[in-house]
Amino acid sequence: MNQTLQLRMCVTPHRIIIEATGPLTALTAHLLPKAVVGVLRRYPAPVVEIDLTGVTALDFVGDIALQDCACETTRRGILLIVTKPPSDDRKAPKTIHHNISNRQHATRTRTLIHVGAICRYHVKAR
């Protein structure tokens, strides 16, 4: 079983597309937020799309990595689109839009998330 996550990036003037292939698990999830931050430092764009159609496995740590990407793009005022295949039906990919601009004035609470040796605060809107 191959435990390598491959990330392919396509940069256009108005969109950055990051295609992930392989498992997005505790062994490889740290690569995705690093890639998003690195590409945004070099190529500013108003939209970042993460394509997960080639992801073979996704666990809790991979989900936290996607949340880290959403926090980073929101902090920079960039729209994040996560495209992933549905669990049962693989005809059309599902699309999830992350944009917190309409939730900026919501009351927020903090919960502690334990991720291995790393503890992060996760901000939730009520």
Protein backbone atom coordinates (compact mmCIF):
# COMPACT_ATOMS: atom_id res chain seq x y z
CA MET A 1 0.00 0.00 0.00
CA ASN A 2 1.42 3.35 -1.05
CA GLN A 3 1.45 5.91 1.81
CA THR A 4 2.48 8.89 -0.33
CA LEU A 5 0.34 11.96 -0.84
CA GLN A 6 1.02 13.64 -4.17
CA LEU A 7 0.04 17.27 -4.66
CA ARG A 8 -0.17 18.81 -8.13
CA MET A 9 -0.66 22.56 -8.42
CA CYS A 10 -2.11 24.52 -11.32
CA VAL A 11 -1.78 28.29 -11.03
CA THR A 12 -3.88 30.66 -13.13
CA PRO A 13 -4.32 34.42 -12.60
CA HIS A 14 -7.68 34.00 -10.83
CA ARG A 15 -7.53 30.49 -9.33
CA ILE A 16 -5.09 28.07 -7.75
CA ILE A 17 -6.00 24.40 -8.10
CA ILE A 18 -4.31 21.84 -5.84
CA GLU A 19 -5.00 18.22 -6.83
CA ALA A 20 -4.34 15.66 -4.11
CA THR A 21 -3.73 11.99 -4.92
CA GLY A 22 -3.19 9.28 -2.31
CA PRO A 23 -4.10 8.98 1.37
CA LEU A 24 -4.79 12.14 3.38
CA THR A 25 -4.14 10.59 6.79
CA ALA A 26 -2.06 11.27 9.89
CA LEU A 27 1.10 10.31 7.99
CA THR A 28 0.61 12.78 5.14
CA ALA A 29 -1.89 15.44 6.25
CA HIS A 30 0.80 17.93 7.33
CA LEU A 31 1.78 18.43 3.68
CA LEU A 32 -1.51 19.99 2.56
CA PRO A 33 -1.54 23.15 4.75
CA LYS A 34 2.16 23.69 4.03
CA ALA A 35 1.47 23.50 0.30
CA VAL A 36 -1.46 25.93 0.54
CA VAL A 37 0.54 28.47 2.55
CA GLY A 38 3.54 28.11 0.23
CA VAL A 39 1.58 28.59 -2.96
CA LEU A 40 -0.36 31.57 -1.53
CA ARG A 41 2.87 33.30 -0.53
CA ARG A 42 4.18 33.01 -4.06
CA TYR A 43 1.01 33.34 -6.16
CA PRO A 44 -1.80 35.47 -4.69
CA ALA A 45 -5.19 34.49 -6.13
CA PRO A 46 -8.79 35.17 -5.05
CA VAL A 47 -9.81 31.47 -5.20
CA VAL A 48 -8.08 28.28 -4.03
CA GLU A 49 -9.56 24.96 -5.06
CA ILE A 50 -8.46 21.71 -3.41
CA ASP A 51 -9.47 18.73 -5.54
CA LEU A 52 -9.76 15.54 -3.47
CA THR A 53 -11.07 13.24 -6.19
CA GLY A 54 -7.83 11.25 -6.13
CA VAL A 55 -7.71 10.84 -2.34
CA THR A 56 -7.90 7.19 -1.36
CA ALA A 57 -8.28 7.60 2.43
CA LEU A 58 -9.29 10.49 4.67
CA ASP A 59 -9.17 10.39 8.46
CA PHE A 60 -9.67 12.85 11.33
CA VAL A 61 -6.21 14.38 10.95
CA GLY A 62 -6.81 14.90 7.23
CA ASP A 63 -10.05 16.67 8.07
CA ILE A 64 -8.16 18.93 10.52
CA ALA A 65 -5.64 19.69 7.74
CA LEU A 66 -8.53 20.82 5.52
CA GLN A 67 -9.83 23.00 8.36
CA ASP A 68 -6.34 24.53 8.71
CA CYS A 69 -6.43 25.36 4.99
CA ALA A 70 -9.88 26.92 5.43
CA CYS A 71 -8.63 29.06 8.35
CA GLU A 72 -5.59 30.21 6.38
CA THR A 73 -7.56 31.17 3.29
CA THR A 74 -10.22 32.92 5.39
CA ARG A 75 -7.53 34.88 7.22
CA ARG A 76 -6.24 36.09 3.84
CA GLY A 77 -9.74 36.82 2.48
CA ILE A 78 -9.57 34.07 -0.13
CA LEU A 79 -12.40 31.73 -1.15
CA LEU A 80 -11.60 28.03 -0.59
CA ILE A 81 -13.41 25.39 -2.64
CA VAL A 82 -12.95 21.75 -1.63
CA THR A 83 -14.05 19.31 -4.33
CA LYS A 84 -14.38 15.69 -3.30
CA PRO A 85 -16.15 12.60 -4.57
CA PRO A 86 -19.33 11.46 -2.83
CA SER A 87 -18.99 8.40 -0.61
CA ASP A 88 -21.30 6.10 -2.60
CA ASP A 89 -22.09 7.77 -5.91
CA ARG A 90 -19.03 8.71 -7.99
CA LYS A 91 -20.91 10.29 -10.91
CA ALA A 92 -20.47 13.96 -9.99
CA PRO A 93 -18.09 15.50 -7.44
CA LYS A 94 -19.46 17.29 -4.41
CA THR A 95 -18.33 20.87 -3.88
CA ILE A 96 -18.00 22.55 -0.50
CA HIS A 97 -17.47 26.33 -0.36
CA HIS A 98 -15.67 27.77 2.67
CA ASN A 99 -16.23 31.47 3.15
CA ILE A 100 -16.75 32.88 6.62
CA SER A 101 -17.41 36.47 5.58
CA ASN A 102 -21.10 36.09 6.43
CA ARG A 103 -20.23 34.64 9.86
CA GLN A 104 -17.75 37.30 10.96
CA HIS A 105 -20.09 38.83 13.52
CA ALA A 106 -21.24 35.52 15.01
CA THR A 107 -20.44 34.67 18.60
CA ARG A 108 -17.53 32.27 18.71
CA THR A 109 -16.52 29.61 21.20
CA ARG A 110 -13.26 27.75 21.50
CA THR A 111 -12.85 24.00 21.82
CA LEU A 112 -9.54 22.23 22.21
CA ILE A 113 -8.70 19.67 19.53
CA HIS A 114 -6.00 17.12 20.30
CA VAL A 115 -4.11 16.01 17.19
CA GLY A 116 -1.30 13.69 18.26
CA ALA A 117 1.32 15.84 19.95
CA ILE A 118 -0.20 19.05 18.56
CA CYS A 119 -3.07 20.80 20.33
CA ARG A 120 -4.94 23.44 18.40
CA TYR A 121 -7.83 25.69 19.24
CA HIS A 122 -10.76 25.32 16.89
CA VAL A 123 -13.08 28.31 16.67
CA LYS A 124 -16.74 27.48 16.14
CA ALA A 125 -19.49 29.94 15.37
CA ARG A 126 -22.71 29.45 17.35
